């Protein structure tokens, strides 16, 4: 069985599920999903610039106003549950968790614990973060010891 650690920041769409579950053809797949709501507070400025760069002015003015604590955890848990159910409905094994702090450290631990074959980072485009190599995929490539695939999530 091929095992992928899938790092996401929002619920998987049907297109996302179709894509990741067919990446390896007919081989049986298992996913360990790490749900990390968008970014951490250290990257607020980069995220705001990124939002302006792609024309999302409303989002840029709201950076730093994201919910925290329990207010942020409940939507993340719902997004994770939705994504796990969708992967399972597509015939894959799936487990996961919400990651609240140190996502890259947790990613490394999950890769080691699960014996993962690869990491898939699926996010919306964050052009400024990617340019400065501050996105998850760029940082994970130096940390996890397995191939890291960067994919862009579909929008509903």
C-alpha atoms as a PDB file:
ATOM      1  CA  UNK A   1       0.000   0.000   0.000  1.00  0.00           C
ATOM      2  CA  UNK A   2       1.235   3.459  -0.923  1.00  0.00           C
ATOM      3  CA  UNK A   3       1.046   5.925   1.981  1.00  0.00           C
ATOM      4  CA  UNK A   4       0.840   9.680   1.503  1.00  0.00           C
ATOM      5  CA  UNK A   5       0.791  12.370   4.147  1.00  0.00           C
ATOM      6  CA  UNK A   6      -1.574  15.022   2.826  1.00  0.00           C
ATOM      7  CA  UNK A   7      -1.216  18.531   4.244  1.00  0.00           C
ATOM      8  CA  UNK A   8      -4.252  20.739   3.622  1.00  0.00           C
ATOM      9  CA  UNK A   9      -5.571  24.096   4.766  1.00  0.00           C
ATOM     10  CA  UNK A  10      -9.223  23.748   3.685  1.00  0.00           C
ATOM     11  CA  UNK A  11     -11.646  20.875   3.003  1.00  0.00           C
ATOM     12  CA  UNK A  12     -10.915  18.774  -0.059  1.00  0.00           C
ATOM     13  CA  UNK A  13     -13.228  19.344  -3.010  1.00  0.00           C
ATOM     14  CA  UNK A  14     -14.471  16.384  -5.081  1.00  0.00           C
ATOM     15  CA  UNK A  15     -11.892  17.342  -7.737  1.00  0.00           C
ATOM     16  CA  UNK A  16      -9.104  17.317  -5.134  1.00  0.00           C
ATOM     17  CA  UNK A  17     -10.154  13.875  -3.909  1.00  0.00           C
ATOM     18  CA  UNK A  18     -10.332  12.504  -7.441  1.00  0.00           C
ATOM     19  CA  UNK A  19      -6.891  13.867  -8.210  1.00  0.00           C
ATOM     20  CA  UNK A  20      -5.009  12.635  -5.132  1.00  0.00           C
ATOM     21  CA  UNK A  21      -6.666   9.208  -5.121  1.00  0.00           C
ATOM     22  CA  UNK A  22      -5.693   8.556  -8.744  1.00  0.00           C
ATOM     23  CA  UNK A  23      -2.094   9.810  -8.593  1.00  0.00           C
ATOM     24  CA  UNK A  24      -0.730   6.270  -8.309  1.00  0.00           C
ATOM     25  CA  UNK A  25      -3.070   4.483 -10.669  1.00  0.00           C
ATOM     26  CA  UNK A  26      -4.779   1.397  -9.288  1.00  0.00           C
ATOM     27  CA  UNK A  27      -2.377   0.973  -6.353  1.00  0.00           C
ATOM     28  CA  UNK A  28      -4.123   0.924  -2.966  1.00  0.00           C
ATOM     29  CA  UNK A  29      -3.556   4.181  -1.107  1.00  0.00           C
ATOM     30  CA  UNK A  30      -3.645   5.332   2.470  1.00  0.00           C
ATOM     31  CA  UNK A  31      -3.672   8.969   3.509  1.00  0.00           C
ATOM     32  CA  UNK A  32      -2.710  10.614   6.753  1.00  0.00           C
ATOM     33  CA  UNK A  33      -4.290  14.068   6.523  1.00  0.00           C
ATOM     34  CA  UNK A  34      -2.884  16.994   8.464  1.00  0.00           C
ATOM     35  CA  UNK A  35      -5.339  19.872   8.551  1.00  0.00           C
ATOM     36  CA  UNK A  36      -3.506  23.129   9.187  1.00  0.00           C
ATOM     37  CA  UNK A  37      -5.634  26.230   8.827  1.00  0.00           C
ATOM     38  CA  UNK A  38      -3.901  28.753   6.591  1.00  0.00           C
ATOM     39  CA  UNK A  39      -0.422  29.735   7.713  1.00  0.00           C
ATOM     40  CA  UNK A  40       0.856  30.907  11.053  1.00  0.00           C
ATOM     41  CA  UNK A  41       0.963  34.361  12.552  1.00  0.00           C
ATOM     42  CA  UNK A  42       4.623  34.843  11.624  1.00  0.00           C
ATOM     43  CA  UNK A  43       3.602  34.972   7.964  1.00  0.00           C
ATOM     44  CA  UNK A  44       0.730  37.475   8.221  1.00  0.00           C
ATOM     45  CA  UNK A  45       2.540  40.138   6.168  1.00  0.00           C
ATOM     46  CA  UNK A  46       3.488  37.682   3.400  1.00  0.00           C
ATOM     47  CA  UNK A  47      -0.089  36.387   3.269  1.00  0.00           C
ATOM     48  CA  UNK A  48      -1.520  39.913   3.055  1.00  0.00           C
ATOM     49  CA  UNK A  49       0.855  40.820   0.207  1.00  0.00           C
ATOM     50  CA  UNK A  50      -0.048  37.561  -1.506  1.00  0.00           C
ATOM     51  CA  UNK A  51      -3.763  38.350  -1.243  1.00  0.00           C
ATOM     52  CA  UNK A  52      -3.179  41.780  -2.808  1.00  0.00           C
ATOM     53  CA  UNK A  53      -1.104  40.193  -5.590  1.00  0.00           C
ATOM     54  CA  UNK A  54      -3.979  37.934  -6.640  1.00  0.00           C
ATOM     55  CA  UNK A  55      -6.624  40.640  -6.292  1.00  0.00           C
ATOM     56  CA  UNK A  56      -8.196  39.531  -3.020  1.00  0.00           C
ATOM     57  CA  UNK A  57      -8.221  42.918  -1.338  1.00  0.00           C
ATOM     58  CA  UNK A  58     -10.915  42.021   1.182  1.00  0.00           C
ATOM     59  CA  UNK A  59      -8.866  39.050   2.422  1.00  0.00           C
ATOM     60  CA  UNK A  60      -5.737  41.227   2.657  1.00  0.00           C
ATOM     61  CA  UNK A  61      -7.443  43.721   4.941  1.00  0.00           C
ATOM     62  CA  UNK A  62      -8.629  40.922   7.216  1.00  0.00           C
ATOM     63  CA  UNK A  63      -5.244  39.235   7.726  1.00  0.00           C
ATOM     64  CA  UNK A  64      -4.510  38.869  11.404  1.00  0.00           C
ATOM     65  CA  UNK A  65      -8.239  38.694  12.196  1.00  0.00           C
ATOM     66  CA  UNK A  66      -8.425  34.929  11.898  1.00  0.00           C
ATOM     67  CA  UNK A  67     -10.102  33.043  14.721  1.00  0.00           C
ATOM     68  CA  UNK A  68      -7.903  31.430  17.340  1.00  0.00           C
ATOM     69  CA  UNK A  69      -8.221  28.650  19.898  1.00  0.00           C
ATOM     70  CA  UNK A  70     -11.492  26.753  20.053  1.00  0.00           C
ATOM     71  CA  UNK A  71     -13.092  29.184  17.589  1.00  0.00           C
ATOM     72  CA  UNK A  72     -10.554  28.108  14.951  1.00  0.00           C
ATOM     73  CA  UNK A  73     -10.394  24.433  15.909  1.00  0.00           C
ATOM     74  CA  UNK A  74     -14.078  23.571  15.335  1.00  0.00           C
ATOM     75  CA  UNK A  75     -14.131  24.580  11.619  1.00  0.00           C
ATOM     76  CA  UNK A  76     -10.789  22.833  11.112  1.00  0.00           C
ATOM     77  CA  UNK A  77     -12.144  19.630  12.680  1.00  0.00           C
ATOM     78  CA  UNK A  78     -15.219  19.789  10.429  1.00  0.00           C
ATOM     79  CA  UNK A  79     -13.027  20.345   7.361  1.00  0.00           C
ATOM     80  CA  UNK A  80     -10.857  17.397   8.364  1.00  0.00           C
ATOM     81  CA  UNK A  81     -13.876  15.113   8.947  1.00  0.00           C
ATOM     82  CA  UNK A  82     -15.303  16.084   5.547  1.00  0.00           C
ATOM     83  CA  UNK A  83     -11.984  15.402   3.811  1.00  0.00           C
ATOM     84  CA  UNK A  84     -11.452  12.034   5.532  1.00  0.00           C
ATOM     85  CA  UNK A  85     -14.975  10.902   4.629  1.00  0.00           C
ATOM     86  CA  UNK A  86     -14.452  11.921   0.998  1.00  0.00           C
ATOM     87  CA  UNK A  87     -11.165  10.009   0.752  1.00  0.00           C
ATOM     88  CA  UNK A  88     -12.724   6.910   2.319  1.00  0.00           C
ATOM     89  CA  UNK A  89     -15.722   7.125  -0.024  1.00  0.00           C
ATOM     90  CA  UNK A  90     -13.221   7.026  -2.875  1.00  0.00           C
ATOM     91  CA  UNK A  91     -11.801   3.737  -1.576  1.00  0.00           C
ATOM     92  CA  UNK A  92      -8.720   4.966   0.269  1.00  0.00           C
ATOM     93  CA  UNK A  93      -7.763   4.450   3.880  1.00  0.00           C
ATOM     94  CA  UNK A  94      -7.691   7.788   5.654  1.00  0.00           C
ATOM     95  CA  UNK A  95      -6.869   9.093   9.099  1.00  0.00           C
ATOM     96  CA  UNK A  96      -5.804  12.523  10.247  1.00  0.00           C
ATOM     97  CA  UNK A  97      -5.587  15.291  12.755  1.00  0.00           C
ATOM     98  CA  UNK A  98      -5.782  19.051  13.117  1.00  0.00           C
ATOM     99  CA  UNK A  99      -2.344  20.576  13.611  1.00  0.00           C
ATOM    100  CA  UNK A 100      -2.432  23.731  15.672  1.00  0.00           C
ATOM    101  CA  UNK A 101       1.238  24.532  16.157  1.00  0.00           C
ATOM    102  CA  UNK A 102       4.592  23.571  14.653  1.00  0.00           C
ATOM    103  CA  UNK A 103       3.057  21.990  11.525  1.00  0.00           C
ATOM    104  CA  UNK A 104       6.379  21.059   9.949  1.00  0.00           C
ATOM    105  CA  UNK A 105       7.611  19.333  13.105  1.00  0.00           C
ATOM    106  CA  UNK A 106       4.373  17.375  13.263  1.00  0.00           C
ATOM    107  CA  UNK A 107       4.625  16.598   9.549  1.00  0.00           C
ATOM    108  CA  UNK A 108       8.099  15.113  10.049  1.00  0.00           C
ATOM    109  CA  UNK A 109       6.880  13.024  12.994  1.00  0.00           C
ATOM    110  CA  UNK A 110       3.869  11.716  11.040  1.00  0.00           C
ATOM    111  CA  UNK A 111       6.065  10.815   8.049  1.00  0.00           C
ATOM    112  CA  UNK A 112       8.365   8.863  10.363  1.00  0.00           C
ATOM    113  CA  UNK A 113       5.541   7.206  12.349  1.00  0.00           C
ATOM    114  CA  UNK A 114       3.542   6.168   9.287  1.00  0.00           C
ATOM    115  CA  UNK A 115       6.450   5.176   7.056  1.00  0.00           C
ATOM    116  CA  UNK A 116       4.985   7.481   4.409  1.00  0.00           C
ATOM    117  CA  UNK A 117       6.180   7.216   0.825  1.00  0.00           C
ATOM    118  CA  UNK A 118       5.515  10.875   0.019  1.00  0.00           C
ATOM    119  CA  UNK A 119       4.096  14.146   1.249  1.00  0.00           C
ATOM    120  CA  UNK A 120       1.459  16.021  -0.727  1.00  0.00           C
ATOM    121  CA  UNK A 121       0.976  19.683   0.165  1.00  0.00           C
ATOM    122  CA  UNK A 122      -2.336  20.904  -1.255  1.00  0.00           C
ATOM    123  CA  UNK A 123      -3.063  24.594  -0.806  1.00  0.00           C
ATOM    124  CA  UNK A 124      -4.426  27.531  -2.691  1.00  0.00           C
ATOM    125  CA  UNK A 125      -1.748  29.441  -4.616  1.00  0.00           C
ATOM    126  CA  UNK A 126       0.335  31.665  -2.332  1.00  0.00           C
ATOM    127  CA  UNK A 127       2.618  33.279  -4.881  1.00  0.00           C
ATOM    128  CA  UNK A 128       4.595  35.562  -2.574  1.00  0.00           C
ATOM    129  CA  UNK A 129       5.167  32.822  -0.006  1.00  0.00           C
ATOM    130  CA  UNK A 130       6.283  30.472  -2.782  1.00  0.00           C
ATOM    131  CA  UNK A 131       8.610  33.070  -4.289  1.00  0.00           C
ATOM    132  CA  UNK A 132      10.362  33.478  -0.934  1.00  0.00           C
ATOM    133  CA  UNK A 133      10.220  29.704  -0.292  1.00  0.00           C
ATOM    134  CA  UNK A 134       8.134  30.252   2.847  1.00  0.00           C
ATOM    135  CA  UNK A 135       5.336  27.937   1.683  1.00  0.00           C
ATOM    136  CA  UNK A 136       4.844  24.539   3.328  1.00  0.00           C
ATOM    137  CA  UNK A 137       6.105  22.510   0.378  1.00  0.00           C
ATOM    138  CA  UNK A 138       9.391  24.409   0.124  1.00  0.00           C
ATOM    139  CA  UNK A 139      10.034  24.169   3.844  1.00  0.00           C
ATOM    140  CA  UNK A 140       8.944  20.507   4.024  1.00  0.00           C
ATOM    141  CA  UNK A 141      11.372  19.451   1.277  1.00  0.00           C
ATOM    142  CA  UNK A 142      14.260  20.199   3.632  1.00  0.00           C
ATOM    143  CA  UNK A 143      12.737  18.402   6.589  1.00  0.00           C
ATOM    144  CA  UNK A 144      10.850  15.193   5.833  1.00  0.00           C
ATOM    145  CA  UNK A 145      13.202  12.911   3.880  1.00  0.00           C
ATOM    146  CA  UNK A 146      10.601  11.745   1.334  1.00  0.00           C
ATOM    147  CA  UNK A 147       9.431  13.317  -1.946  1.00  0.00           C
ATOM    148  CA  UNK A 148       7.187  16.364  -1.508  1.00  0.00           C
ATOM    149  CA  UNK A 149       4.574  17.144  -4.144  1.00  0.00           C
ATOM    150  CA  UNK A 150       3.015  20.616  -4.276  1.00  0.00           C
ATOM    151  CA  UNK A 151      -0.545  20.719  -5.646  1.00  0.00           C
ATOM    152  CA  UNK A 152      -3.003  23.584  -5.924  1.00  0.00           C
ATOM    153  CA  UNK A 153      -6.398  22.968  -4.372  1.00  0.00           C
ATOM    154  CA  UNK A 154      -9.520  23.430  -6.479  1.00  0.00           C
ATOM    155  CA  UNK A 155     -11.995  26.103  -5.485  1.00  0.00           C
ATOM    156  CA  UNK A 156     -15.668  25.382  -4.959  1.00  0.00           C
END
